Amino acid sequence: MHTSSAPDPNAPDPLPILRREVTLLRIEMENLRGKEDEARKMKEILLDYVKRVEHLRANRDQWQREAERLSALVAQVPHWSLFLARCCFDASKTWRKLTGLRPARDVADVRAN
């Protein structure tokens, strides 16, 4: 049993080994920081994507409600009146073609010219 606190003169110097280990640890830390940055960027991309999808779903739901509302509104109109309106529209379109008349322009269009 050796009770002396003096270092063994024959033992290899631990300083180069410790320096190499510290260098390897620094390299590993930089590598982990790079991976952390990549993960943070990927998380931001995914969160933005989720927000876009939620926005699209909200828009889809809004347009679906609007379509249901219009469908219910059209269901209240008698079918004969829809047929009559279509016939009047077709007759008006045909009359304009035959007479060479153009549809009335918007007031803003007239002012622009």
C-alpha atoms as a PDB file:
ATOM      1  CA  MET A   1       0.000   0.000   0.000  1.00  0.00           C
ATOM      2  CA  HIS A   2       1.383   3.348  -1.004  1.00  0.00           C
ATOM      3  CA  THR A   3       0.470   6.211   1.378  1.00  0.00           C
ATOM      4  CA  SER A   4       2.538   8.962  -0.212  1.00  0.00           C
ATOM      5  CA  SER A   5       0.598  11.785  -1.884  1.00  0.00           C
ATOM      6  CA  ALA A   6       3.418  12.546  -4.276  1.00  0.00           C
ATOM      7  CA  PRO A   7       2.691  11.674  -7.916  1.00  0.00           C
ATOM      8  CA  ASP A   8       4.400   8.700  -9.416  1.00  0.00           C
ATOM      9  CA  PRO A   9       7.260   9.978 -11.606  1.00  0.00           C
ATOM     10  CA  ASN A  10       6.896   6.965 -13.930  1.00  0.00           C
ATOM     11  CA  ALA A  11       3.179   7.602 -14.633  1.00  0.00           C
ATOM     12  CA  PRO A  12       2.281   9.177 -18.036  1.00  0.00           C
ATOM     13  CA  ASP A  13       1.409  12.850 -18.071  1.00  0.00           C
ATOM     14  CA  PRO A  14      -2.460  13.165 -17.952  1.00  0.00           C
ATOM     15  CA  LEU A  15      -2.500  16.709 -19.389  1.00  0.00           C
ATOM     16  CA  PRO A  16      -2.405  15.772 -23.123  1.00  0.00           C
ATOM     17  CA  ILE A  17      -5.122  13.186 -22.582  1.00  0.00           C
ATOM     18  CA  LEU A  18      -7.288  15.708 -20.721  1.00  0.00           C
ATOM     19  CA  ARG A  19      -6.752  18.340 -23.435  1.00  0.00           C
ATOM     20  CA  ARG A  20      -7.789  15.853 -26.108  1.00  0.00           C
ATOM     21  CA  GLU A  21     -10.913  14.922 -24.114  1.00  0.00           C
ATOM     22  CA  VAL A  22     -11.836  18.599 -23.630  1.00  0.00           C
ATOM     23  CA  THR A  23     -11.368  19.204 -27.379  1.00  0.00           C
ATOM     24  CA  LEU A  24     -13.609  16.216 -28.181  1.00  0.00           C
ATOM     25  CA  LEU A  25     -16.223  17.477 -25.722  1.00  0.00           C
ATOM     26  CA  ARG A  26     -16.171  20.920 -27.349  1.00  0.00           C
ATOM     27  CA  ILE A  27     -16.639  19.356 -30.775  1.00  0.00           C
ATOM     28  CA  GLU A  28     -19.520  17.262 -29.439  1.00  0.00           C
ATOM     29  CA  MET A  29     -21.137  20.353 -27.868  1.00  0.00           C
ATOM     30  CA  GLU A  30     -20.942  22.256 -31.176  1.00  0.00           C
ATOM     31  CA  ASN A  31     -22.441  19.260 -32.951  1.00  0.00           C
ATOM     32  CA  LEU A  32     -25.303  19.127 -30.444  1.00  0.00           C
ATOM     33  CA  ARG A  33     -25.881  22.883 -30.764  1.00  0.00           C
ATOM     34  CA  GLY A  34     -26.139  22.489 -34.525  1.00  0.00           C
ATOM     35  CA  LYS A  35     -28.674  19.699 -34.109  1.00  0.00           C
ATOM     36  CA  GLU A  36     -30.603  21.821 -31.615  1.00  0.00           C
ATOM     37  CA  ASP A  37     -30.736  24.706 -34.136  1.00  0.00           C
ATOM     38  CA  GLU A  38     -31.950  22.338 -36.862  1.00  0.00           C
ATOM     39  CA  ALA A  39     -34.618  20.946 -34.530  1.00  0.00           C
ATOM     40  CA  ARG A  40     -35.753  24.471 -33.604  1.00  0.00           C
ATOM     41  CA  LYS A  41     -36.026  25.469 -37.271  1.00  0.00           C
ATOM     42  CA  MET A  42     -37.935  22.274 -38.087  1.00  0.00           C
ATOM     43  CA  LYS A  43     -40.297  22.944 -35.174  1.00  0.00           C
ATOM     44  CA  GLU A  44     -40.961  26.469 -36.490  1.00  0.00           C
ATOM     45  CA  ILE A  45     -41.642  25.105 -39.971  1.00  0.00           C
ATOM     46  CA  LEU A  46     -44.047  22.515 -38.602  1.00  0.00           C
ATOM     47  CA  LEU A  47     -45.858  25.053 -36.421  1.00  0.00           C
ATOM     48  CA  ASP A  48     -46.269  27.385 -39.416  1.00  0.00           C
ATOM     49  CA  TYR A  49     -47.597  24.459 -41.450  1.00  0.00           C
ATOM     50  CA  VAL A  50     -50.095  23.565 -38.716  1.00  0.00           C
ATOM     51  CA  LYS A  51     -51.266  27.186 -38.581  1.00  0.00           C
ATOM     52  CA  ARG A  52     -51.770  27.204 -42.357  1.00  0.00           C
ATOM     53  CA  VAL A  53     -53.735  23.959 -42.224  1.00  0.00           C
ATOM     54  CA  GLU A  54     -55.933  25.305 -39.411  1.00  0.00           C
ATOM     55  CA  HIS A  55     -56.536  28.479 -41.416  1.00  0.00           C
ATOM     56  CA  LEU A  56     -57.464  26.447 -44.503  1.00  0.00           C
ATOM     57  CA  ARG A  57     -59.849  24.311 -42.454  1.00  0.00           C
ATOM     58  CA  ALA A  58     -61.499  27.413 -41.022  1.00  0.00           C
ATOM     59  CA  ASN A  59     -61.913  28.821 -44.548  1.00  0.00           C
ATOM     60  CA  ARG A  60     -63.269  25.509 -45.777  1.00  0.00           C
ATOM     61  CA  ASP A  61     -65.777  25.418 -42.935  1.00  0.00           C
ATOM     62  CA  GLN A  62     -66.800  29.004 -43.641  1.00  0.00           C
ATOM     63  CA  TRP A  63     -67.367  28.313 -47.340  1.00  0.00           C
ATOM     64  CA  GLN A  64     -69.218  25.094 -46.536  1.00  0.00           C
ATOM     65  CA  ARG A  65     -71.579  27.013 -44.210  1.00  0.00           C
ATOM     66  CA  GLU A  66     -72.073  29.627 -46.938  1.00  0.00           C
ATOM     67  CA  ALA A  67     -72.836  26.916 -49.504  1.00  0.00           C
ATOM     68  CA  GLU A  68     -75.351  25.304 -47.134  1.00  0.00           C
ATOM     69  CA  ARG A  69     -76.966  28.706 -46.514  1.00  0.00           C
ATOM     70  CA  LEU A  70     -77.255  29.418 -50.243  1.00  0.00           C
ATOM     71  CA  SER A  71     -78.523  25.931 -50.922  1.00  0.00           C
ATOM     72  CA  ALA A  72     -81.253  26.416 -48.322  1.00  0.00           C
ATOM     73  CA  LEU A  73     -82.065  29.802 -49.846  1.00  0.00           C
ATOM     74  CA  VAL A  74     -82.320  28.352 -53.358  1.00  0.00           C
ATOM     75  CA  ALA A  75     -84.493  25.534 -52.004  1.00  0.00           C
ATOM     76  CA  GLN A  76     -87.008  28.159 -50.837  1.00  0.00           C
ATOM     77  CA  VAL A  77     -87.367  29.628 -54.341  1.00  0.00           C
ATOM     78  CA  PRO A  78     -90.019  27.910 -56.472  1.00  0.00           C
ATOM     79  CA  HIS A  79     -88.519  25.937 -59.360  1.00  0.00           C
ATOM     80  CA  TRP A  80     -90.707  27.638 -61.964  1.00  0.00           C
ATOM     81  CA  SER A  81     -89.249  31.040 -61.021  1.00  0.00           C
ATOM     82  CA  LEU A  82     -85.700  29.762 -61.487  1.00  0.00           C
ATOM     83  CA  PHE A  83     -86.707  28.378 -64.873  1.00  0.00           C
ATOM     84  CA  LEU A  84     -88.340  31.674 -65.811  1.00  0.00           C
ATOM     85  CA  ALA A  85     -85.280  33.676 -64.704  1.00  0.00           C
ATOM     86  CA  ARG A  86     -83.017  31.428 -66.782  1.00  0.00           C
ATOM     87  CA  CYS A  87     -85.240  31.818 -69.829  1.00  0.00           C
ATOM     88  CA  CYS A  88     -85.253  35.627 -69.445  1.00  0.00           C
ATOM     89  CA  PHE A  89     -81.489  35.667 -69.105  1.00  0.00           C
ATOM     90  CA  ASP A  90     -81.054  33.498 -72.206  1.00  0.00           C
ATOM     91  CA  ALA A  91     -83.499  35.665 -74.174  1.00  0.00           C
ATOM     92  CA  SER A  92     -81.689  38.828 -73.121  1.00  0.00           C
ATOM     93  CA  LYS A  93     -78.358  37.339 -74.117  1.00  0.00           C
ATOM     94  CA  THR A  94     -79.727  36.270 -77.502  1.00  0.00           C
ATOM     95  CA  TRP A  95     -81.313  39.708 -78.077  1.00  0.00           C
ATOM     96  CA  ARG A  96     -77.982  41.439 -77.396  1.00  0.00           C
ATOM     97  CA  LYS A  97     -76.240  39.147 -79.868  1.00  0.00           C
ATOM     98  CA  LEU A  98     -78.846  39.777 -82.558  1.00  0.00           C
ATOM     99  CA  THR A  99     -78.931  43.533 -82.117  1.00  0.00           C
ATOM    100  CA  GLY A 100     -75.233  44.007 -81.497  1.00  0.00           C
ATOM    101  CA  LEU A 101     -75.884  45.680 -78.164  1.00  0.00           C
ATOM    102  CA  ARG A 102     -73.383  45.300 -75.425  1.00  0.00           C
ATOM    103  CA  PRO A 103     -74.310  44.998 -71.768  1.00  0.00           C
ATOM    104  CA  ALA A 104     -74.325  48.278 -69.866  1.00  0.00           C
ATOM    105  CA  ARG A 105     -70.917  49.174 -68.519  1.00  0.00           C
ATOM    106  CA  ASP A 106     -70.301  49.936 -64.901  1.00  0.00           C
ATOM    107  CA  VAL A 107     -70.338  53.606 -63.894  1.00  0.00           C
ATOM    108  CA  ALA A 108     -66.710  53.339 -62.771  1.00  0.00           C
ATOM    109  CA  ASP A 109     -65.753  52.025 -66.226  1.00  0.00           C
ATOM    110  CA  VAL A 110     -67.512  54.947 -67.918  1.00  0.00           C
ATOM    111  CA  ARG A 111     -65.741  57.476 -65.696  1.00  0.00           C
ATOM    112  CA  ALA A 112     -62.357  55.862 -66.370  1.00  0.00           C
ATOM    113  CA  ASN A 113     -62.770  56.380 -70.136  1.00  0.00           C
END
